[in-house]
Amino acid sequence: MHRTSVIRRVVPAMAVVALAATGCTAQAVGADAPSAPPATTGTPSPAADGTKPSATPSSRPSPSGSPAASASPRKKVLMAEGTENEQVRELQARLRQAGHFHRSPTSFYGSMTAKAVSSFQRKQNLPVTGTVDEATWRSLAGATRTPTADELRPPTTNELDAPDARCMTGRVLCISKESRTLAWMIDGKVVSAMDVRFGSVNTPTREGIFKVDRKERTWKSTLYHSDMPYSMFFSRGQAVHYSSDFAARGYNGGSHGCVNVRDREKLAALFDQVKVGDKVVVHW
């Protein structure tokens, strides 16, 4: 009689974890994603108690009174974190009228806007989601008036201080660390102004007199891999540029030395006016 050897090889499953870089921080992607359900083919397997199902789930129609049939449709979300458009600007201006938003509208829907929306929803006895659906928008529109042009685009949240003497002649980006503002000045007159933030203690924004070395409408940091739209470089890699993080988190964050602007539309208009060679003054 021949002896038959049966060799079974068991290959353990490997869990693959993908890392996505956000700025300079790596985080796991998909680690908590549920596994896809196994395909059901052929005869259903017996239940745990040994009984055999009479039909597969797909072959049994749902009764009219089941949750699947009676569930209401999901409410349409008009705006949520990450949205950036003019409707967000109006939303922020209306929330400011209602006393739930305490800064200038930027048109970017970040965590501060989400908190303001949640606060309004709580006061109006609406579902507190932090996102804007049609019911929230109707309620807010009914509780406020149409924002004026100045409410939609105020000159700056922070009050401008007296310009540095070095900013009083020529074309100058006059940047004050004291008031945290940028004033675009021509021959001593302020043409436009906007809020800014600066580098942290470990990566400070340099002070002094500089000039715009180059301009890049679209740019990605080669060190931190973050987007830097409307960059105007003035000092060895430091630049004035738009920051979606500043728009979302305000002064809770900081840059790696650049001068961050949170109003994209204002900076876009400024970018078209500034020329390579224009003066930059960063001062206290």
C-alpha atoms as a PDB file:
ATOM      1  CA  MET A   1       0.000   0.000   0.000  1.00  0.00           C
ATOM      2  CA  HIS A   2       1.414   3.366  -1.010  1.00  0.00           C
ATOM      3  CA  ARG A   3       1.685   6.167   1.534  1.00  0.00           C
ATOM      4  CA  THR A   4       0.422   9.511   0.203  1.00  0.00           C
ATOM      5  CA  SER A   5       1.829  12.669   1.781  1.00  0.00           C
ATOM      6  CA  VAL A   6      -0.304  15.783   1.594  1.00  0.00           C
ATOM      7  CA  ILE A   7       1.597  19.029   2.140  1.00  0.00           C
ATOM      8  CA  ARG A   8      -0.431  22.028   2.941  1.00  0.00           C
ATOM      9  CA  ARG A   9       1.153  25.445   2.859  1.00  0.00           C
ATOM     10  CA  VAL A  10      -0.518  28.206   4.736  1.00  0.00           C
ATOM     11  CA  VAL A  11       0.363  31.685   3.584  1.00  0.00           C
ATOM     12  CA  PRO A  12      -0.469  34.341   6.153  1.00  0.00           C
ATOM     13  CA  ALA A  13      -2.178  37.459   4.813  1.00  0.00           C
ATOM     14  CA  MET A  14      -0.103  40.565   4.749  1.00  0.00           C
ATOM     15  CA  ALA A  15      -1.700  43.829   5.840  1.00  0.00           C
ATOM     16  CA  VAL A  16      -0.503  46.666   3.691  1.00  0.00           C
ATOM     17  CA  VAL A  17      -0.462  50.085   5.221  1.00  0.00           C
ATOM     18  CA  ALA A  18      -0.083  53.074   2.898  1.00  0.00           C
ATOM     19  CA  LEU A  19       1.414  56.282   4.176  1.00  0.00           C
ATOM     20  CA  ALA A  20       0.337  59.569   2.706  1.00  0.00           C
ATOM     21  CA  ALA A  21       2.470  62.620   3.264  1.00  0.00           C
ATOM     22  CA  THR A  22       0.603  65.712   4.361  1.00  0.00           C
ATOM     23  CA  GLY A  23       3.103  68.518   4.543  1.00  0.00           C
ATOM     24  CA  CYS A  24       5.924  66.915   6.471  1.00  0.00           C
ATOM     25  CA  THR A  25       3.719  64.542   8.451  1.00  0.00           C
ATOM     26  CA  ALA A  26       3.084  60.972   7.415  1.00  0.00           C
ATOM     27  CA  GLN A  27      -0.153  59.317   8.436  1.00  0.00           C
ATOM     28  CA  ALA A  28      -1.723  55.945   7.823  1.00  0.00           C
ATOM     29  CA  VAL A  29      -4.292  55.742   5.082  1.00  0.00           C
ATOM     30  CA  GLY A  30      -6.924  53.045   4.952  1.00  0.00           C
ATOM     31  CA  ALA A  31      -5.818  51.304   8.151  1.00  0.00           C
ATOM     32  CA  ASP A  32      -9.359  51.435   9.539  1.00  0.00           C
ATOM     33  CA  ALA A  33     -11.149  50.726   6.270  1.00  0.00           C
ATOM     34  CA  PRO A  34     -13.527  47.723   6.508  1.00  0.00           C
ATOM     35  CA  SER A  35     -12.666  44.653   4.476  1.00  0.00           C
ATOM     36  CA  ALA A  36     -14.809  43.943   1.439  1.00  0.00           C
ATOM     37  CA  PRO A  37     -17.503  41.292   2.142  1.00  0.00           C
ATOM     38  CA  PRO A  38     -16.896  37.895   0.546  1.00  0.00           C
ATOM     39  CA  ALA A  39     -18.823  37.162  -2.629  1.00  0.00           C
ATOM     40  CA  THR A  40     -21.860  34.892  -2.160  1.00  0.00           C
ATOM     41  CA  THR A  41     -22.269  32.217  -4.820  1.00  0.00           C
ATOM     42  CA  GLY A  42     -23.882  28.828  -5.012  1.00  0.00           C
ATOM     43  CA  THR A  43     -25.772  27.259  -2.086  1.00  0.00           C
ATOM     44  CA  PRO A  44     -25.899  29.300   1.129  1.00  0.00           C
ATOM     45  CA  SER A  45     -23.768  27.950   3.967  1.00  0.00           C
ATOM     46  CA  PRO A  46     -25.550  26.504   7.019  1.00  0.00           C
ATOM     47  CA  ALA A  47     -26.061  28.823   9.940  1.00  0.00           C
ATOM     48  CA  ALA A  48     -24.108  28.410  13.163  1.00  0.00           C
ATOM     49  CA  ASP A  49     -26.905  26.260  14.669  1.00  0.00           C
ATOM     50  CA  GLY A  50     -26.840  23.891  11.684  1.00  0.00           C
ATOM     51  CA  THR A  51     -30.057  25.101  10.033  1.00  0.00           C
ATOM     52  CA  LYS A  52     -30.042  25.934   6.345  1.00  0.00           C
ATOM     53  CA  PRO A  53     -31.268  29.345   5.165  1.00  0.00           C
ATOM     54  CA  SER A  54     -34.285  29.161   2.895  1.00  0.00           C
ATOM     55  CA  ALA A  55     -32.965  31.822   0.498  1.00  0.00           C
ATOM     56  CA  THR A  56     -30.019  34.116  -0.036  1.00  0.00           C
ATOM     57  CA  PRO A  57     -30.399  37.738   1.197  1.00  0.00           C
ATOM     58  CA  SER A  58     -30.376  39.036  -2.376  1.00  0.00           C
ATOM     59  CA  SER A  59     -33.286  36.822  -3.405  1.00  0.00           C
ATOM     60  CA  ARG A  60     -35.587  37.951  -0.586  1.00  0.00           C
ATOM     61  CA  PRO A  61     -37.417  41.256  -1.206  1.00  0.00           C
ATOM     62  CA  SER A  62     -37.386  43.771   1.636  1.00  0.00           C
ATOM     63  CA  PRO A  63     -40.781  44.305   3.263  1.00  0.00           C
ATOM     64  CA  SER A  64     -42.295  47.731   2.758  1.00  0.00           C
ATOM     65  CA  GLY A  65     -41.978  48.528   6.444  1.00  0.00           C
ATOM     66  CA  SER A  66     -38.290  47.669   6.736  1.00  0.00           C
ATOM     67  CA  PRO A  67     -35.734  50.378   7.673  1.00  0.00           C
ATOM     68  CA  ALA A  68     -34.181  50.206   4.199  1.00  0.00           C
ATOM     69  CA  ALA A  69     -37.481  51.098   2.574  1.00  0.00           C
ATOM     70  CA  SER A  70     -38.587  53.769   5.061  1.00  0.00           C
ATOM     71  CA  ALA A  71     -35.232  55.548   5.585  1.00  0.00           C
ATOM     72  CA  SER A  72     -35.348  59.220   4.600  1.00  0.00           C
ATOM     73  CA  PRO A  73     -32.899  60.417   1.917  1.00  0.00           C
ATOM     74  CA  ARG A  74     -29.635  61.912   3.133  1.00  0.00           C
ATOM     75  CA  LYS A  75     -29.745  65.713   3.325  1.00  0.00           C
ATOM     76  CA  LYS A  76     -27.770  67.495   0.639  1.00  0.00           C
ATOM     77  CA  VAL A  77     -24.656  69.236   1.993  1.00  0.00           C
ATOM     78  CA  LEU A  78     -24.089  72.653   0.420  1.00  0.00           C
ATOM     79  CA  MET A  79     -20.838  73.517   2.208  1.00  0.00           C
ATOM     80  CA  ALA A  80     -18.403  71.648   4.453  1.00  0.00           C
ATOM     81  CA  GLU A  81     -14.759  71.735   5.548  1.00  0.00           C
ATOM     82  CA  GLY A  82     -12.544  72.150   2.499  1.00  0.00           C
ATOM     83  CA  THR A  83     -15.103  74.113   0.448  1.00  0.00           C
ATOM     84  CA  GLU A  84     -13.715  77.338  -0.988  1.00  0.00           C
ATOM     85  CA  ASN A  85     -16.010  79.666  -2.925  1.00  0.00           C
ATOM     86  CA  GLU A  86     -17.992  82.907  -2.702  1.00  0.00           C
ATOM     87  CA  GLN A  87     -20.938  81.238  -0.986  1.00  0.00           C
ATOM     88  CA  VAL A  88     -18.608  80.409   1.925  1.00  0.00           C
ATOM     89  CA  ARG A  89     -17.645  84.095   2.098  1.00  0.00           C
ATOM     90  CA  GLU A  90     -21.326  85.030   2.389  1.00  0.00           C
ATOM     91  CA  LEU A  91     -21.848  82.263   4.954  1.00  0.00           C
ATOM     92  CA  GLN A  92     -19.020  83.648   7.098  1.00  0.00           C
ATOM     93  CA  ALA A  93     -20.337  87.222   6.807  1.00  0.00           C
ATOM     94  CA  ARG A  94     -23.825  86.130   7.875  1.00  0.00           C
ATOM     95  CA  LEU A  95     -22.435  84.069  10.760  1.00  0.00           C
ATOM     96  CA  ARG A  96     -20.476  87.149  11.831  1.00  0.00           C
ATOM     97  CA  GLN A  97     -23.701  89.201  11.821  1.00  0.00           C
ATOM     98  CA  ALA A  98     -25.321  86.551  14.008  1.00  0.00           C
ATOM     99  CA  GLY A  99     -22.428  86.636  16.488  1.00  0.00           C
ATOM    100  CA  HIS A 100     -20.990  83.193  15.721  1.00  0.00           C
ATOM    101  CA  PHE A 101     -17.944  84.128  13.595  1.00  0.00           C
ATOM    102  CA  HIS A 102     -15.374  86.623  14.828  1.00  0.00           C
ATOM    103  CA  ARG A 103     -13.011  87.306  11.954  1.00  0.00           C
ATOM    104  CA  SER A 104     -13.033  88.548   8.372  1.00  0.00           C
ATOM    105  CA  PRO A 105     -14.579  86.305   5.713  1.00  0.00           C
ATOM    106  CA  THR A 106     -11.978  84.441   3.684  1.00  0.00           C
ATOM    107  CA  SER A 107     -14.155  82.191   1.449  1.00  0.00           C
ATOM    108  CA  PHE A 108     -12.389  79.093   2.872  1.00  0.00           C
ATOM    109  CA  TYR A 109     -14.441  76.682   4.993  1.00  0.00           C
ATOM    110  CA  GLY A 110     -12.098  75.485   7.727  1.00  0.00           C
ATOM    111  CA  SER A 111     -12.430  74.208  11.282  1.00  0.00           C
ATOM    112  CA  MET A 112     -13.249  77.679  12.662  1.00  0.00           C
ATOM    113  CA  THR A 113     -16.151  78.036  10.231  1.00  0.00           C
ATOM    114  CA  ALA A 114     -17.358  74.539  11.106  1.00  0.00           C
ATOM    115  CA  LYS A 115     -17.399  75.474  14.808  1.00  0.00           C
ATOM    116  CA  ALA A 116     -19.328  78.663  14.030  1.00  0.00           C
ATOM    117  CA  VAL A 117     -21.889  76.695  12.006  1.00  0.00           C
ATOM    118  CA  SER A 118     -22.268  74.178  14.852  1.00  0.00           C
ATOM    119  CA  SER A 119     -22.821  77.034  17.300  1.00  0.00           C
ATOM    120  CA  PHE A 120     -25.538  78.523  15.084  1.00  0.00           C
ATOM    121  CA  GLN A 121     -27.205  75.136  14.581  1.00  0.00           C
ATOM    122  CA  ARG A 122     -27.222  74.515  18.334  1.00  0.00           C
ATOM    123  CA  LYS A 123     -28.869  77.876  19.004  1.00  0.00           C
ATOM    124  CA  GLN A 124     -31.503  77.265  16.306  1.00  0.00           C
ATOM    125  CA  ASN A 125     -32.247  73.711  17.523  1.00  0.00           C
ATOM    126  CA  LEU A 126     -30.999  72.241  14.251  1.00  0.00           C
ATOM    127  CA  PRO A 127     -28.989  69.014  13.968  1.00  0.00           C
ATOM    128  CA  VAL A 128     -25.451  69.987  14.983  1.00  0.00           C
ATOM    129  CA  THR A 129     -23.286  68.740  12.109  1.00  0.00           C
ATOM    130  CA  GLY A 130     -20.824  71.556  11.425  1.00  0.00           C
ATOM    131  CA  THR A 131     -21.837  71.372   7.759  1.00  0.00           C
ATOM    132  CA  VAL A 132     -24.349  73.529   5.912  1.00  0.00           C
ATOM    133  CA  ASP A 133     -27.393  71.837   4.433  1.00  0.00           C
ATOM    134  CA  GLU A 134     -30.438  73.567   2.923  1.00  0.00           C
ATOM    135  CA  ALA A 135     -32.256  73.831   6.269  1.00  0.00           C
ATOM    136  CA  THR A 136     -29.256  75.492   7.955  1.00  0.00           C
ATOM    137  CA  TRP A 137     -28.778  77.907   5.061  1.00  0.00           C
ATOM    138  CA  ARG A 138     -32.479  78.893   5.059  1.00  0.00           C
ATOM    139  CA  SER A 139     -32.417  79.442   8.821  1.00  0.00           C
ATOM    140  CA  LEU A 140     -29.262  81.580   8.642  1.00  0.00           C
ATOM    141  CA  ALA A 141     -30.581  83.623   5.712  1.00  0.00           C
ATOM    142  CA  GLY A 142     -33.797  84.267   7.648  1.00  0.00           C
ATOM    143  CA  ALA A 143     -31.916  85.398  10.759  1.00  0.00           C
ATOM    144  CA  THR A 144     -29.539  87.783   8.924  1.00  0.00           C
ATOM    145  CA  ARG A 145     -29.520  90.331   6.099  1.00  0.00           C
ATOM    146  CA  THR A 146     -27.623  90.348   2.830  1.00  0.00           C
ATOM    147  CA  PRO A 147     -23.993  91.269   3.655  1.00  0.00           C
ATOM    148  CA  THR A 148     -22.644  94.560   2.363  1.00  0.00           C
ATOM    149  CA  ALA A 149     -19.495  94.760   0.235  1.00  0.00           C
ATOM    150  CA  ASP A 150     -17.499  95.952   3.264  1.00  0.00           C
ATOM    151  CA  GLU A 151     -18.788  93.019   5.342  1.00  0.00           C
ATOM    152  CA  LEU A 152     -17.793  90.548   2.646  1.00  0.00           C
ATOM    153  CA  ARG A 153     -14.357  92.086   2.111  1.00  0.00           C
ATOM    154  CA  PRO A 154     -13.255  94.234   5.053  1.00  0.00           C
ATOM    155  CA  PRO A 155      -9.786  95.755   4.660  1.00  0.00           C
ATOM    156  CA  THR A 156      -8.301  93.547   7.373  1.00  0.00           C
ATOM    157  CA  THR A 157      -9.249  91.922  10.667  1.00  0.00           C
ATOM    158  CA  ASN A 158      -6.191  93.380  12.375  1.00  0.00           C
ATOM    159  CA  GLU A 159      -5.824  97.128  12.655  1.00  0.00           C
ATOM    160  CA  LEU A 160      -2.907  98.581  10.714  1.00  0.00           C
ATOM    161  CA  ASP A 161      -0.225 100.287  12.776  1.00  0.00           C
ATOM    162  CA  ALA A 162       1.738 103.353  11.691  1.00  0.00           C
ATOM    163  CA  PRO A 163       3.843 102.451   8.644  1.00  0.00           C
ATOM    164  CA  ASP A 164       7.568 102.007   9.146  1.00  0.00           C
ATOM    165  CA  ALA A 165       9.539 104.987   7.831  1.00  0.00           C
ATOM    166  CA  ARG A 166      11.213 102.691   5.279  1.00  0.00           C
ATOM    167  CA  CYS A 167       7.788 102.022   3.718  1.00  0.00           C
ATOM    168  CA  MET A 168       7.001 105.642   2.878  1.00  0.00           C
ATOM    169  CA  THR A 169       8.630 105.876  -0.547  1.00  0.00           C
ATOM    170  CA  GLY A 170       8.190 103.824  -3.694  1.00  0.00           C
ATOM    171  CA  ARG A 171       6.360 100.504  -4.091  1.00  0.00           C
ATOM    172  CA  VAL A 172       6.557  98.500  -0.859  1.00  0.00           C
ATOM    173  CA  LEU A 173       5.174  95.381   0.753  1.00  0.00           C
ATOM    174  CA  CYS A 174       5.169  96.774   4.308  1.00  0.00           C
ATOM    175  CA  ILE A 175       4.850  93.823   6.699  1.00  0.00           C
ATOM    176  CA  SER A 176       4.350  94.441  10.416  1.00  0.00           C
ATOM    177  CA  LYS A 177       4.979  91.735  12.985  1.00  0.00           C
ATOM    178  CA  GLU A 178       3.457  94.008  15.641  1.00  0.00           C
ATOM    179  CA  SER A 179      -0.007  94.280  14.029  1.00  0.00           C
ATOM    180  CA  ARG A 180       0.332  91.062  11.976  1.00  0.00           C
ATOM    181  CA  THR A 181      -0.614  92.868   8.775  1.00  0.00           C
ATOM    182  CA  LEU A 182       0.688  93.379   5.264  1.00  0.00           C
ATOM    183  CA  ALA A 183       0.108  96.782   3.673  1.00  0.00           C
ATOM    184  CA  TRP A 184       0.734  97.254  -0.033  1.00  0.00           C
ATOM    185  CA  MET A 185       1.910 100.851  -0.246  1.00  0.00           C
ATOM    186  CA  ILE A 186       2.746 103.140  -3.165  1.00  0.00           C
ATOM    187  CA  ASP A 187       4.428 106.463  -2.373  1.00  0.00           C
ATOM    188  CA  GLY A 188       3.336 106.387   1.261  1.00  0.00           C
ATOM    189  CA  LYS A 189      -0.330 105.496   0.625  1.00  0.00           C
ATOM    190  CA  VAL A 190      -1.939 102.166   1.575  1.00  0.00           C
ATOM    191  CA  VAL A 191      -3.478 100.588  -1.532  1.00  0.00           C
ATOM    192  CA  SER A 192      -4.599  97.320   0.103  1.00  0.00           C
ATOM    193  CA  ALA A 193      -4.077  95.484   3.397  1.00  0.00           C
ATOM    194  CA  MET A 194      -4.485  91.941   4.703  1.00  0.00           C
ATOM    195  CA  ASP A 195      -3.838  89.757   7.736  1.00  0.00           C
ATOM    196  CA  VAL A 196      -0.619  87.731   7.865  1.00  0.00           C
ATOM    197  CA  ARG A 197       1.120  85.294  10.178  1.00  0.00           C
ATOM    198  CA  PHE A 198       4.782  84.419  10.490  1.00  0.00           C
ATOM    199  CA  GLY A 199       7.243  81.639  11.232  1.00  0.00           C
ATOM    200  CA  SER A 200       7.545  79.898  14.563  1.00  0.00           C
ATOM    201  CA  VAL A 201      10.314  80.430  17.121  1.00  0.00           C
ATOM    202  CA  ASN A 202      12.418  77.712  15.465  1.00  0.00           C
ATOM    203  CA  THR A 203      11.820  79.004  11.928  1.00  0.00           C
ATOM    204  CA  PRO A 204      11.392  82.781  12.275  1.00  0.00           C
ATOM    205  CA  THR A 205      10.536  85.156   9.471  1.00  0.00           C
ATOM    206  CA  ARG A 206      13.574  87.332   8.829  1.00  0.00           C
ATOM    207  CA  GLU A 207      13.298  91.088   9.434  1.00  0.00           C
ATOM    208  CA  GLY A 208      14.815  93.858   7.379  1.00  0.00           C
ATOM    209  CA  ILE A 209      14.677  95.392   3.918  1.00  0.00           C
ATOM    210  CA  PHE A 210      14.433  93.011   0.952  1.00  0.00           C
ATOM    211  CA  LYS A 211      13.099  92.983  -2.574  1.00  0.00           C
ATOM    212  CA  VAL A 212      10.867  90.594  -4.486  1.00  0.00           C
ATOM    213  CA  ASP A 213      13.297  88.172  -6.154  1.00  0.00           C
ATOM    214  CA  ARG A 214      10.766  86.154  -8.114  1.00  0.00           C
ATOM    215  CA  LYS A 215       7.051  85.370  -8.355  1.00  0.00           C
ATOM    216  CA  GLU A 216       5.362  81.983  -8.725  1.00  0.00           C
ATOM    217  CA  ARG A 217       1.592  81.812  -9.224  1.00  0.00           C
ATOM    218  CA  THR A 218       1.620  78.108  -8.362  1.00  0.00           C
ATOM    219  CA  TRP A 219       4.373  76.583  -6.249  1.00  0.00           C
ATOM    220  CA  LYS A 220       4.948  73.603  -3.958  1.00  0.00           C
ATOM    221  CA  SER A 221       7.487  73.729  -1.159  1.00  0.00           C
ATOM    222  CA  THR A 222      10.482  71.542  -1.997  1.00  0.00           C
ATOM    223  CA  LEU A 223      11.189  71.107   1.743  1.00  0.00           C
ATOM    224  CA  TYR A 224       7.716  70.624   3.216  1.00  0.00           C
ATOM    225  CA  HIS A 225       5.767  69.605   0.078  1.00  0.00           C
ATOM    226  CA  SER A 226       2.920  72.015   0.864  1.00  0.00           C
ATOM    227  CA  ASP A 227       1.168  74.233  -1.694  1.00  0.00           C
ATOM    228  CA  MET A 228       2.249  77.898  -1.815  1.00  0.00           C
ATOM    229  CA  PRO A 229      -0.042  79.710  -4.287  1.00  0.00           C
ATOM    230  CA  TYR A 230       0.805  83.291  -5.275  1.00  0.00           C
ATOM    231  CA  SER A 231       4.338  83.133  -3.890  1.00  0.00           C
ATOM    232  CA  MET A 232       6.445  86.291  -3.893  1.00  0.00           C
ATOM    233  CA  PHE A 233       9.936  85.291  -2.726  1.00  0.00           C
ATOM    234  CA  PHE A 234      12.023  87.898  -0.935  1.00  0.00           C
ATOM    235  CA  SER A 235      14.648  86.216   1.299  1.00  0.00           C
ATOM    236  CA  ARG A 236      16.375  82.862   0.590  1.00  0.00           C
ATOM    237  CA  GLY A 237      13.236  80.772   0.200  1.00  0.00           C
ATOM    238  CA  GLN A 238      10.979  82.878   2.411  1.00  0.00           C
ATOM    239  CA  ALA A 239       7.981  84.260   0.571  1.00  0.00           C
ATOM    240  CA  VAL A 240       4.645  85.953   0.932  1.00  0.00           C
ATOM    241  CA  HIS A 241       2.051  83.361  -0.120  1.00  0.00           C
ATOM    242  CA  TYR A 242      -1.510  82.136   0.422  1.00  0.00           C
ATOM    243  CA  SER A 243      -1.978  79.510   3.149  1.00  0.00           C
ATOM    244  CA  SER A 244      -5.115  77.373   3.362  1.00  0.00           C
ATOM    245  CA  ASP A 245      -3.949  76.312   6.832  1.00  0.00           C
ATOM    246  CA  PHE A 246      -3.943  79.965   7.957  1.00  0.00           C
ATOM    247  CA  ALA A 247      -7.410  80.383   6.436  1.00  0.00           C
ATOM    248  CA  ALA A 248      -8.650  77.311   8.323  1.00  0.00           C
ATOM    249  CA  ARG A 249      -6.887  77.561  11.706  1.00  0.00           C
ATOM    250  CA  GLY A 250      -5.939  81.201  12.013  1.00  0.00           C
ATOM    251  CA  TYR A 251      -3.174  81.977  14.472  1.00  0.00           C
ATOM    252  CA  ASN A 252      -3.324  78.510  16.023  1.00  0.00           C
ATOM    253  CA  GLY A 253      -0.645  77.518  13.516  1.00  0.00           C
ATOM    254  CA  GLY A 254       2.462  79.089  12.006  1.00  0.00           C
ATOM    255  CA  SER A 255       4.671  78.961   8.953  1.00  0.00           C
ATOM    256  CA  HIS A 256       8.203  77.684   8.449  1.00  0.00           C
ATOM    257  CA  GLY A 257       9.385  81.275   7.952  1.00  0.00           C
ATOM    258  CA  CYS A 258       7.144  82.499   5.165  1.00  0.00           C
ATOM    259  CA  VAL A 259       4.592  85.293   5.459  1.00  0.00           C
ATOM    260  CA  ASN A 260       1.202  83.551   5.246  1.00  0.00           C
ATOM    261  CA  VAL A 261      -1.901  85.316   3.891  1.00  0.00           C
ATOM    262  CA  ARG A 262      -5.364  83.851   4.539  1.00  0.00           C
ATOM    263  CA  ASP A 263      -7.430  85.843   2.032  1.00  0.00           C
ATOM    264  CA  ARG A 264      -6.752  84.189  -1.307  1.00  0.00           C
ATOM    265  CA  GLU A 265      -8.707  86.681  -3.400  1.00  0.00           C
ATOM    266  CA  LYS A 266      -6.927  89.716  -1.975  1.00  0.00           C
ATOM    267  CA  LEU A 267      -3.527  88.111  -2.413  1.00  0.00           C
ATOM    268  CA  ALA A 268      -4.353  87.120  -5.999  1.00  0.00           C
ATOM    269  CA  ALA A 269      -5.118  90.783  -6.794  1.00  0.00           C
ATOM    270  CA  LEU A 270      -1.938  91.897  -5.035  1.00  0.00           C
ATOM    271  CA  PHE A 271       0.136  89.287  -6.879  1.00  0.00           C
ATOM    272  CA  ASP A 272      -0.873  90.858 -10.206  1.00  0.00           C
ATOM    273  CA  GLN A 273       0.201  94.327  -9.022  1.00  0.00           C
ATOM    274  CA  VAL A 274       3.562  93.553  -7.423  1.00  0.00           C
ATOM    275  CA  LYS A 275       6.608  93.481  -9.707  1.00  0.00           C
ATOM    276  CA  VAL A 276       9.918  91.701  -9.325  1.00  0.00           C
ATOM    277  CA  GLY A 277      12.248  94.223  -7.721  1.00  0.00           C
ATOM    278  CA  ASP A 278       9.598  95.896  -5.524  1.00  0.00           C
ATOM    279  CA  LYS A 279      10.710  96.558  -1.951  1.00  0.00           C
ATOM    280  CA  VAL A 280       9.753  94.333   0.992  1.00  0.00           C
ATOM    281  CA  VAL A 281      10.061  95.643   4.569  1.00  0.00           C
ATOM    282  CA  VAL A 282       9.497  93.239   7.485  1.00  0.00           C
ATOM    283  CA  HIS A 283       9.493  95.076  10.810  1.00  0.00           C
ATOM    284  CA  TRP A 284       8.111  95.220  14.344  1.00  0.00           C
END
